[in-house]
Amino acid sequence: MHTCVRRLGSVRAQWILRSTATQYKALSPHGVRMQSSITSAQRPEDIRVLGSSYSRDKWSNATPAILEKTGRDLLHHPSHPLAILKELIFKEFPTFAHYDNISPVVSTYQNFDSLGFSKDHPGRSVTDTYYINEDTLLRTHTSAHQLQLLAAGKKNDSELLALAKNSSASPRNERFLVAADVYRRDEIDASHYPVFHQMEGVCTFSRAEIQKQLCNRDIATDTERSTGESGSVAKLLDTTVIGDTNPVQPDHSEEESAFVAAHMKQMMNNMVVQILTKAVAAQKSSGDVNATSSQTEFPVRWIDAFFPFTSPSWEMEVFFQGEWLEICGCGVMKQGILNDAGMTDRIGWAFGFGLERLAMLLFGIPDIRLFWSSDPRFTGQFAPGQINTFKPFSRHPACTKDVSFWLPESGEFYENDLMDMVREIAGDLVEGVKMIDSFTHPKTGKASRCYRINYCSMDRNVTNEEINTIQEQVRQRIVSQLGVTLR
């Protein structure tokens, strides 16, 4: 049977900063490009985020539209699909401390250095990350809090530990989940948005505890079948090989690493079975003719992967509705993170994934912009603790505009600058931006690009006059700020 992998944004792009090729024109002491192709503009000296002020410098690129999102708190609206999914996952990990209210403002050390990102990693560039200033940014992943929370448990930091919704579950943060909004400059289409949400899981064991359980064999060796509600099971298809390309860390024995990995896979299997079983039941009750309501087995496979902060590392995929779906990235935590937290006697695993990707699948939501909608035709369809299939309301007609331009003579042009500018001007009226033509003039050597911008409101009709006004602003701004020449 031919199958494909459905990709709603890759796992690697969800858990780790993507490693797309980036031009580096001017490098900072950190080894990354300090300026995007946007030219400097006169702006207020300070940036305010959630009531706090931060000094602005040449790194500052977080726009007002992005900063406004920091106060939306979608995960704290009980009837919102993302909050529903968050609580369902929390429920599957009752012995973990649950965090969902940690500020998105982090240091560059937390976001990059604490996790082992190289100084020249492209994710550090201002084309990929929203900087408040050189030392402070909006987190790009929930992994930014791994070291912070582990250290808080070791040091008994009562202020930070008190943020856990169930602090008694793991009072020293030896096991925790973090659900939070994360921010990345990205392309514009139905499955990408500059703000999305992630779930991070961390679980650690003392080395003495591992040795004891290895002797008692307390962790089941038959992790191939994890049983969920209604008799549903996860069937594990694991052909990964721990070797030179996906190695055990020098600080760990093969037995310790295998124990931690087996525990992680069993926990992840259980979570997937429980959530997908609810999704199948929701589809069946909705009368969806495409629902695979008879599916009671969920084959799970593990793919060798690489992340800077785990080794060995894997990507988890599950077979659902005739397709292999990417669920998360995970692995055995780099021992250096635990050592830096003062937990030298402990070993752990970690996972991370985007909530939007999974929620779009479970609730049948076709456009990521809908998660930010306040339209009652959307918000009124969901209830706490329930997975039900989204019923689309009227599709409003789109309005398409093209813009063509010559690139600056310097050749410095970064697509994410264009994407961010269009979002800043058009907000959620922009449905997609796609390059449709690229060529180099044979005589002058000048490079040209043509982008198609699709405008479409989710809750009303837009007029051609309205879109023409927005498009003219886009045309003027790309000239003044990106340095291009319109064609």
Protein backbone atom coordinates (compact mmCIF):
# COMPACT_ATOMS: atom_id res chain seq x y z
CA MET A 1 0.00 0.00 0.00
CA HIS A 2 1.40 3.38 -0.98
CA THR A 3 1.38 5.91 1.83
CA CYS A 4 2.65 9.42 2.28
CA VAL A 5 3.69 11.56 5.21
CA ARG A 6 1.39 14.50 5.84
CA ARG A 7 3.47 17.55 6.76
CA LEU A 8 1.75 20.47 8.48
CA GLY A 9 5.11 22.16 9.03
CA SER A 10 7.94 19.76 9.74
CA VAL A 11 8.74 18.44 13.22
CA ARG A 12 12.29 19.78 12.89
CA ALA A 13 10.90 23.23 12.10
CA GLN A 14 8.54 22.98 15.05
CA TRP A 15 10.92 21.83 17.82
CA ILE A 16 14.16 23.31 16.53
CA LEU A 17 15.02 26.50 14.70
CA ARG A 18 15.12 25.68 11.03
CA SER A 19 18.51 25.61 9.35
CA THR A 20 17.67 27.28 6.04
CA ALA A 21 20.55 28.88 4.22
CA THR A 22 20.98 32.48 5.32
CA GLN A 23 23.14 35.17 3.78
CA TYR A 24 25.56 36.70 6.24
CA LYS A 25 26.65 40.20 5.28
CA ALA A 26 27.76 41.66 8.62
CA LEU A 27 28.51 39.43 11.56
CA SER A 28 28.16 40.29 15.22
CA PRO A 29 30.46 38.91 17.91
CA HIS A 30 27.88 36.12 18.22
CA GLY A 31 28.65 35.06 14.65
CA VAL A 32 25.24 35.93 13.15
CA ARG A 33 23.95 38.66 10.88
CA MET A 34 22.98 41.80 12.80
CA GLN A 35 20.81 43.53 10.21
CA SER A 36 18.04 42.41 7.92
CA SER A 37 17.42 44.06 4.56
CA ILE A 38 14.97 46.46 6.27
CA THR A 39 16.52 49.89 6.62
CA SER A 40 16.43 51.68 9.96
CA ALA A 41 13.39 53.80 10.77
CA GLN A 42 12.75 56.29 13.54
CA ARG A 43 10.97 54.43 16.35
CA PRO A 44 10.45 54.95 20.08
CA GLU A 45 13.48 54.23 22.21
CA ASP A 46 11.89 51.56 24.41
CA ILE A 47 9.92 48.43 23.59
CA ARG A 48 7.13 47.43 25.95
CA VAL A 49 6.17 43.77 26.32
CA LEU A 50 3.57 42.65 28.85
CA GLY A 51 4.03 45.77 30.95
CA SER A 52 7.84 45.75 31.00
CA SER A 53 10.14 48.11 29.11
CA TYR A 54 13.25 47.07 27.18
CA SER A 55 15.88 49.25 25.53
CA ARG A 56 15.95 49.23 21.75
CA ASP A 57 19.11 48.72 19.67
CA LYS A 58 20.10 47.75 16.14
CA TRP A 59 18.92 44.19 16.74
CA SER A 60 15.34 45.23 17.54
CA ASN A 61 12.94 43.88 14.92
CA ALA A 62 9.82 42.81 16.84
CA THR A 63 6.95 44.69 15.19
CA PRO A 64 3.94 46.20 17.00
CA ALA A 65 1.67 43.58 15.42
CA ILE A 66 3.80 40.78 16.86
CA LEU A 67 4.15 42.41 20.28
CA GLU A 68 0.36 42.74 20.46
CA LYS A 69 0.05 38.95 20.21
CA THR A 70 2.01 38.45 23.45
CA GLY A 71 -1.08 39.35 25.47
CA ARG A 72 -3.65 37.22 23.67
CA ASP A 73 -3.22 34.14 25.91
CA LEU A 74 -5.04 31.66 23.66
CA LEU A 75 -3.99 28.80 25.93
CA HIS A 76 -6.00 30.30 28.79
CA HIS A 77 -9.36 30.35 26.99
CA PRO A 78 -10.90 26.99 28.05
CA SER A 79 -13.05 26.65 24.92
CA HIS A 80 -10.25 27.42 22.47
CA PRO A 81 -9.04 24.35 20.48
CA LEU A 82 -5.43 24.95 21.54
CA ALA A 83 -6.39 25.18 25.21
CA ILE A 84 -8.52 22.03 24.88
CA LEU A 85 -5.59 20.12 23.35
CA LYS A 86 -3.19 21.49 25.98
CA GLU A 87 -5.41 20.23 28.81
CA LEU A 88 -5.84 16.81 27.17
CA ILE A 89 -2.06 16.44 27.02
CA PHE A 90 -1.62 17.68 30.58
CA LYS A 91 -4.10 15.02 31.65
CA GLU A 92 -1.91 12.30 30.12
CA PHE A 93 1.04 13.36 32.30
CA PRO A 94 -0.41 13.70 35.82
CA THR A 95 2.94 13.24 37.61
CA PHE A 96 4.55 16.12 35.67
CA ALA A 97 4.52 19.76 36.77
CA HIS A 98 2.41 21.76 34.30
CA TYR A 99 3.48 25.24 33.16
CA ASP A 100 1.46 27.43 30.80
CA ASN A 101 2.11 31.00 31.94
CA ILE A 102 5.84 31.64 31.53
CA SER A 103 6.70 34.96 29.86
CA PRO A 104 7.75 34.72 26.18
CA VAL A 105 10.60 37.18 26.78
CA VAL A 106 13.87 35.24 27.18
CA SER A 107 17.57 35.90 26.91
CA THR A 108 19.65 34.84 23.93
CA TYR A 109 21.49 32.54 26.34
CA GLN A 110 18.26 30.76 27.31
CA ASN A 111 17.06 30.40 23.73
CA PHE A 112 20.32 29.36 22.11
CA ASP A 113 23.45 28.93 24.21
CA SER A 114 21.91 26.87 27.02
CA LEU A 115 20.84 24.30 24.43
CA GLY A 116 24.10 24.03 22.54
CA PHE A 117 23.25 26.04 19.42
CA SER A 118 26.37 27.01 17.52
CA LYS A 119 27.32 30.69 17.37
CA ASP A 120 26.73 30.78 13.60
CA HIS A 121 23.42 28.87 13.61
CA PRO A 122 21.09 30.57 11.11
CA GLY A 123 18.25 30.50 13.64
CA ARG A 124 20.04 33.27 15.53
CA SER A 125 19.71 35.65 12.58
CA VAL A 126 17.29 38.58 12.72
CA THR A 127 15.71 37.19 9.56
CA ASP A 128 14.44 34.22 11.57
CA THR A 129 13.99 35.52 15.13
CA TYR A 130 12.13 38.43 16.74
CA TYR A 131 14.68 40.36 18.80
CA ILE A 132 13.74 42.91 21.42
CA ASN A 133 17.41 43.84 21.63
CA GLU A 134 20.75 42.07 21.24
CA ASP A 135 20.44 40.16 24.52
CA THR A 136 16.66 39.66 24.64
CA LEU A 137 14.13 38.10 22.28
CA LEU A 138 10.73 36.47 22.00
CA ARG A 139 11.34 32.74 22.52
CA THR A 140 11.44 30.69 19.35
CA HIS A 141 10.75 27.39 21.14
CA THR A 142 9.66 26.13 24.55
CA SER A 143 13.03 24.39 24.90
CA ALA A 144 14.33 27.80 26.01
CA HIS A 145 12.95 26.94 29.47
CA GLN A 146 14.56 23.52 29.93
CA LEU A 147 17.62 24.68 31.86
CA GLN A 148 15.67 27.43 33.65
CA LEU A 149 13.08 25.03 35.08
CA LEU A 150 15.53 22.25 35.90
CA ALA A 151 17.73 24.73 37.78
CA ALA A 152 14.68 26.16 39.57
CA GLY A 153 13.90 22.71 40.90
CA LYS A 154 17.46 22.08 42.01
CA LYS A 155 17.71 25.48 43.73
CA ASN A 156 14.15 25.37 45.07
CA ASP A 157 13.29 28.67 43.39
CA SER A 158 9.87 29.14 44.99
CA GLU A 159 8.85 32.06 42.75
CA LEU A 160 9.33 30.11 39.54
CA LEU A 161 8.10 26.79 40.94
CA ALA A 162 4.88 28.52 42.03
CA LEU A 163 4.00 29.09 38.37
CA ALA A 164 3.22 25.38 38.00
CA LYS A 165 -0.51 24.65 37.93
CA ASN A 166 0.07 21.48 39.95
CA SER A 167 3.31 22.15 41.81
CA SER A 168 2.79 19.19 44.13
CA ALA A 169 3.01 16.72 41.22
CA SER A 170 6.75 17.22 40.78
CA PRO A 171 7.88 19.76 43.39
CA ARG A 172 11.54 19.71 42.29
CA ASN A 173 10.77 19.95 38.55
CA GLU A 174 12.27 16.55 37.84
CA ARG A 175 9.40 16.08 35.36
CA PHE A 176 7.51 18.92 33.70
CA LEU A 177 5.49 20.07 30.70
CA VAL A 178 5.60 23.58 29.27
CA ALA A 179 2.87 24.89 26.96
CA ALA A 180 3.54 28.35 25.53
CA ASP A 181 3.37 30.74 22.61
CA VAL A 182 6.52 30.93 20.47
CA TYR A 183 7.56 33.45 17.82
CA ARG A 184 9.35 33.04 14.49
CA ARG A 185 9.60 35.09 11.33
CA ASP A 186 8.15 32.77 8.72
CA GLU A 187 6.46 32.35 5.36
CA ILE A 188 2.77 33.10 4.87
CA ASP A 189 0.36 30.29 4.03
CA ALA A 190 -2.47 28.27 5.58
CA SER A 191 -0.19 26.34 7.97
CA HIS A 192 2.38 29.00 8.98
CA TYR A 193 1.95 31.95 11.32
CA PRO A 194 4.59 34.07 13.09
CA VAL A 195 3.11 33.10 16.45
CA PHE A 196 2.26 29.50 17.30
CA HIS A 197 2.25 27.28 20.37
CA GLN A 198 4.40 24.41 21.52
CA MET A 199 4.33 21.70 24.14
CA GLU A 200 7.63 20.72 25.75
CA GLY A 201 8.07 17.65 27.92
CA VAL A 202 11.04 16.81 30.16
CA CYS A 203 11.44 13.75 32.37
CA THR A 204 14.56 12.92 34.42
CA PHE A 205 15.71 9.95 36.50
CA SER A 206 18.45 9.51 39.06
CA ARG A 207 21.13 7.12 37.90
CA ALA A 208 20.52 5.04 41.02
CA GLU A 209 16.82 4.78 40.12
CA ILE A 210 17.68 3.64 36.59
CA GLN A 211 20.01 0.93 37.87
CA LYS A 212 17.36 -0.30 40.29
CA GLN A 213 14.69 -0.47 37.59
CA LEU A 214 17.06 -2.13 35.17
CA CYS A 215 17.54 -4.87 37.74
CA ASN A 216 13.79 -5.16 38.32
CA ARG A 217 12.89 -4.61 34.67
CA ASP A 218 10.09 -2.26 35.74
CA ILE A 219 9.86 -0.64 32.33
CA ALA A 220 7.99 -2.98 30.05
CA THR A 221 9.96 -4.36 27.15
CA ASP A 222 6.80 -4.78 25.06
CA THR A 223 6.32 -1.08 24.28
CA GLU A 224 5.04 -2.14 20.88
CA ARG A 225 1.47 -2.02 22.23
CA SER A 226 0.25 0.82 24.45
CA THR A 227 -3.44 0.48 25.23
CA GLY A 228 -5.81 3.44 25.34
CA GLU A 229 -9.50 4.04 25.84
CA SER A 230 -11.95 1.77 23.98
CA GLY A 231 -9.20 -0.79 23.49
CA SER A 232 -7.23 1.33 21.01
CA VAL A 233 -3.53 0.55 20.80
CA ALA A 234 -0.31 2.02 19.46
CA LYS A 235 1.75 -0.47 17.48
CA LEU A 236 5.42 0.45 17.58
CA LEU A 237 7.46 0.13 14.39
CA ASP A 238 10.98 0.94 15.54
CA THR A 239 13.82 0.24 13.12
CA THR A 240 16.14 2.98 14.41
CA VAL A 241 19.74 2.10 15.13
CA ILE A 242 21.81 3.78 17.83
CA GLY A 243 25.20 4.25 16.23
CA ASP A 244 27.66 6.79 14.90
CA THR A 245 24.97 8.91 13.23
CA ASN A 246 22.62 8.87 16.24
CA PRO A 247 24.92 8.03 19.12
CA VAL A 248 24.69 7.39 22.82
CA GLN A 249 26.39 10.26 24.66
CA PRO A 250 29.80 9.56 26.20
CA ASP A 251 28.35 10.42 29.64
CA HIS A 252 25.77 7.61 29.37
CA SER A 253 26.01 3.85 29.25
CA GLU A 254 24.11 2.04 26.51
CA GLU A 255 21.83 0.50 29.16
CA GLU A 256 20.99 3.90 30.69
CA SER A 257 20.27 5.47 27.30
CA ALA A 258 18.12 2.52 26.21
CA PHE A 259 16.12 2.67 29.46
CA VAL A 260 15.43 6.42 29.09
CA ALA A 261 14.48 6.04 25.40
CA ALA A 262 12.11 3.13 26.13
CA HIS A 263 10.37 5.09 28.88
CA MET A 264 9.97 8.10 26.58
CA LYS A 265 8.55 6.07 23.72
CA GLN A 266 6.07 4.34 25.99
CA MET A 267 4.84 7.67 27.38
CA MET A 268 4.53 9.15 23.88
CA ASN A 269 2.68 6.10 22.59
CA ASN A 270 0.16 6.39 25.42
CA MET A 271 -0.45 10.07 24.71
CA VAL A 272 -0.98 9.55 20.98
CA VAL A 273 -3.41 6.69 21.49
CA GLN A 274 -5.55 8.63 23.95
CA ILE A 275 -5.77 11.77 21.81
CA LEU A 276 -6.35 10.06 18.46
CA THR A 277 -8.99 7.79 19.97
CA LYS A 278 -10.89 10.94 21.00
CA ALA A 279 -10.44 12.37 17.50
CA VAL A 280 -11.89 9.24 15.90
CA ALA A 281 -14.88 9.36 18.25
CA ALA A 282 -15.44 13.05 17.41
CA GLN A 283 -15.37 12.38 13.68
CA LYS A 284 -17.80 9.51 14.08
CA SER A 285 -20.27 11.58 16.10
CA SER A 286 -20.06 14.46 13.59
CA GLY A 287 -21.20 12.23 10.74
CA ASP A 288 -18.04 12.96 8.76
CA VAL A 289 -18.18 10.63 5.74
CA ASN A 290 -14.39 10.66 5.53
CA ALA A 291 -13.91 9.64 9.15
CA THR A 292 -11.99 6.42 9.81
CA SER A 293 -14.26 5.62 12.73
CA SER A 294 -13.23 1.96 12.73
CA GLN A 295 -9.54 2.69 13.35
CA THR A 296 -8.48 1.20 16.67
CA GLU A 297 -4.79 0.61 15.97
CA PHE A 298 -2.34 3.44 15.48
CA PRO A 299 1.00 2.30 14.06
CA VAL A 300 3.81 4.48 15.40
CA ARG A 301 7.25 4.69 13.86
CA TRP A 302 10.43 6.37 15.06
CA ILE A 303 12.78 8.07 12.60
CA ASP A 304 16.42 8.89 13.38
CA ALA A 305 16.89 12.66 13.68
CA PHE A 306 19.28 15.34 14.93
CA PHE A 307 18.67 18.09 17.49
CA PRO A 308 21.41 20.09 19.26
CA PHE A 309 20.05 19.29 22.70
CA THR A 310 19.31 15.53 22.48
CA SER A 311 21.22 12.39 21.49
CA PRO A 312 20.08 9.88 20.42
CA SER A 313 17.23 11.80 18.75
CA TRP A 314 14.07 10.76 16.91
CA GLU A 315 11.02 12.05 15.12
CA MET A 316 7.74 10.32 15.97
CA GLU A 317 5.17 9.58 13.28
CA VAL A 318 1.77 7.90 13.58
CA PHE A 319 -0.38 6.32 10.88
CA PHE A 320 -3.78 8.04 10.96
CA GLN A 321 -6.49 8.31 8.29
CA GLY A 322 -4.33 6.59 5.70
CA GLU A 323 -1.27 8.83 6.16
CA TRP A 324 1.88 9.00 8.24
CA LEU A 325 1.66 12.12 10.39
CA GLU A 326 4.64 13.81 12.03
CA ILE A 327 3.93 14.26 15.74
CA CYS A 328 7.07 15.44 17.52
CA GLY A 329 10.82 15.56 17.87
CA CYS A 330 12.35 13.90 20.94
CA GLY A 331 15.39 12.23 22.41
CA VAL A 332 17.72 11.66 25.35
CA MET A 333 18.66 15.06 26.80
CA LYS A 334 22.22 16.29 26.37
CA GLN A 335 23.87 15.70 29.72
CA GLY A 336 25.42 19.16 29.66
CA ILE A 337 21.99 20.74 30.21
CA LEU A 338 21.39 18.65 33.32
CA ASN A 339 24.92 19.31 34.57
CA ASP A 340 24.45 23.06 34.14
CA ALA A 341 21.27 22.78 36.21
CA GLY A 342 23.19 21.06 39.01
CA MET A 343 21.57 17.69 38.26
CA THR A 344 24.78 15.79 37.55
CA ASP A 345 23.35 12.58 38.98
CA ARG A 346 20.29 12.56 36.70
CA ILE A 347 19.55 11.52 33.08
CA GLY A 348 16.47 12.53 31.12
CA TRP A 349 14.46 12.67 27.94
CA ALA A 350 12.66 15.55 26.23
CA PHE A 351 10.09 16.05 23.48
CA GLY A 352 8.59 19.07 21.75
CA PHE A 353 5.92 19.69 19.14
CA GLY A 354 3.64 22.37 17.75
CA LEU A 355 0.09 22.39 19.08
CA GLU A 356 -1.41 24.08 16.00
CA ARG A 357 -0.28 21.30 13.69
CA LEU A 358 -1.97 18.64 15.79
CA ALA A 359 -5.06 20.77 16.55
CA MET A 360 -5.62 21.45 12.84
CA LEU A 361 -5.70 17.72 12.29
CA LEU A 362 -7.85 16.80 15.31
CA PHE A 363 -10.42 19.58 14.93
CA GLY A 364 -10.38 19.75 11.12
CA ILE A 365 -9.32 23.41 11.06
CA PRO A 366 -8.10 24.33 7.54
CA ASP A 367 -6.40 27.70 8.12
CA ILE A 368 -4.01 28.54 10.97
CA ARG A 369 -5.35 32.13 11.07
CA LEU A 370 -8.62 30.80 12.48
CA PHE A 371 -6.96 30.13 15.84
CA TRP A 372 -6.74 33.92 16.26
CA SER A 373 -10.32 34.60 15.17
CA SER A 374 -12.84 36.10 17.58
CA ASP A 375 -15.72 35.35 15.19
CA PRO A 376 -18.43 33.58 17.26
CA ARG A 377 -19.06 31.26 14.29
CA PHE A 378 -15.62 29.84 15.09
CA THR A 379 -15.30 30.27 18.84
CA GLY A 380 -18.82 28.98 19.50
CA GLN A 381 -18.09 25.56 18.01
CA PHE A 382 -15.83 24.31 20.80
CA ALA A 383 -16.23 23.31 24.44
CA PRO A 384 -13.71 22.48 27.20
CA GLY A 385 -12.50 18.88 27.20
CA GLN A 386 -14.10 17.97 23.88
CA ILE A 387 -12.67 17.29 20.44
CA ASN A 388 -15.22 18.01 17.75
CA THR A 389 -14.90 18.61 14.02
CA PHE A 390 -14.93 22.24 12.88
CA LYS A 391 -17.84 23.12 10.58
CA PRO A 392 -16.67 25.72 8.04
CA PHE A 393 -18.75 28.84 7.61
CA SER A 394 -19.00 30.83 4.39
CA ARG A 395 -15.82 31.07 2.34
CA HIS A 396 -15.32 34.69 1.37
CA PRO A 397 -13.83 35.50 -2.05
CA ALA A 398 -10.12 36.18 -2.27
CA CYS A 399 -8.41 39.12 -3.92
CA THR A 400 -5.04 38.45 -5.54
CA LYS A 401 -2.37 41.05 -6.23
CA ASP A 402 1.11 40.65 -7.73
CA VAL A 403 4.17 42.77 -7.07
CA SER A 404 7.37 42.60 -9.13
CA PHE A 405 10.68 44.25 -8.37
CA TRP A 406 14.41 44.29 -9.02
CA LEU A 407 16.54 43.26 -6.07
CA PRO A 408 18.95 45.79 -4.55
CA GLU A 409 22.30 46.03 -6.30
CA SER A 410 23.92 44.78 -3.12
CA GLY A 411 21.96 41.55 -3.57
CA GLU A 412 20.85 41.66 0.04
CA PHE A 413 17.21 40.56 0.14
CA TYR A 414 15.62 38.28 2.72
CA GLU A 415 12.20 36.82 2.02
CA ASN A 416 11.18 36.81 5.68
CA ASP A 417 11.57 40.61 5.71
CA LEU A 418 8.94 40.80 2.97
CA MET A 419 6.67 38.36 4.76
CA ASP A 420 6.89 40.29 8.01
CA MET A 421 6.19 43.59 6.25
CA VAL A 422 3.09 42.25 4.50
CA ARG A 423 1.78 40.85 7.79
CA GLU A 424 2.43 44.16 9.54
CA ILE A 425 0.42 46.07 6.92
CA ALA A 426 -2.36 43.62 6.09
CA GLY A 427 -2.67 41.67 9.34
CA ASP A 428 -4.82 38.55 9.07
CA LEU A 429 -6.29 39.72 5.75
CA VAL A 430 -3.28 38.15 4.06
CA GLU A 431 -3.84 34.47 3.36
CA GLY A 432 -0.69 33.66 1.46
CA VAL A 433 2.42 35.11 -0.16
CA LYS A 434 4.26 33.07 -2.77
CA MET A 435 7.07 33.78 -5.21
CA ILE A 436 5.77 33.00 -8.70
CA ASP A 437 8.69 34.19 -10.82
CA SER A 438 12.42 34.72 -10.51
CA PHE A 439 14.92 35.58 -13.20
CA THR A 440 18.22 37.35 -13.87
CA HIS A 441 18.51 39.79 -16.76
CA PRO A 442 20.99 38.34 -19.26
CA LYS A 443 22.61 41.71 -20.05
CA THR A 444 22.51 43.70 -16.82
CA GLY A 445 22.76 40.76 -14.42
CA LYS A 446 20.02 42.33 -12.29
CA ALA A 447 17.83 39.86 -10.38
CA SER A 448 14.04 40.12 -10.35
CA ARG A 449 11.34 38.59 -8.19
CA CYS A 450 7.57 38.49 -8.53
CA TYR A 451 5.38 37.64 -5.54
CA ARG A 452 1.65 36.86 -5.54
CA ILE A 453 -0.18 38.10 -2.45
CA ASN A 454 -3.53 36.48 -1.71
CA TYR A 455 -5.85 38.59 0.45
CA CYS A 456 -8.86 36.87 1.97
CA SER A 457 -10.78 37.67 5.14
CA MET A 458 -12.05 34.80 7.26
CA ASP A 459 -15.23 36.61 8.34
CA ARG A 460 -16.25 39.17 5.70
CA ASN A 461 -16.00 40.21 2.06
CA VAL A 462 -13.15 42.54 1.18
CA THR A 463 -13.47 45.21 -1.50
CA ASN A 464 -11.05 45.74 -4.33
CA GLU A 465 -10.68 49.37 -3.22
CA GLU A 466 -9.70 48.27 0.30
CA ILE A 467 -7.11 45.81 -1.00
CA ASN A 468 -5.74 48.32 -3.51
CA THR A 469 -5.02 50.69 -0.61
CA ILE A 470 -3.22 47.94 1.31
CA GLN A 471 -1.31 46.83 -1.79
CA GLU A 472 -0.12 50.37 -2.45
CA GLN A 473 1.22 50.55 1.11
CA VAL A 474 3.06 47.28 0.50
CA ARG A 475 4.57 48.64 -2.72
CA GLN A 476 5.74 51.83 -1.04
CA ARG A 477 7.19 50.06 2.00
CA ILE A 478 9.17 47.45 0.06
CA VAL A 479 10.86 50.30 -1.82
CA SER A 480 11.60 52.46 1.23
CA GLN A 481 12.51 49.64 3.62
CA LEU A 482 13.79 46.76 1.50
CA GLY A 483 15.60 48.90 -1.06
CA VAL A 484 14.09 47.21 -4.12
CA THR A 485 13.06 48.87 -7.40
CA LEU A 486 9.53 48.24 -8.61
CA ARG A 487 9.05 46.94 -12.12
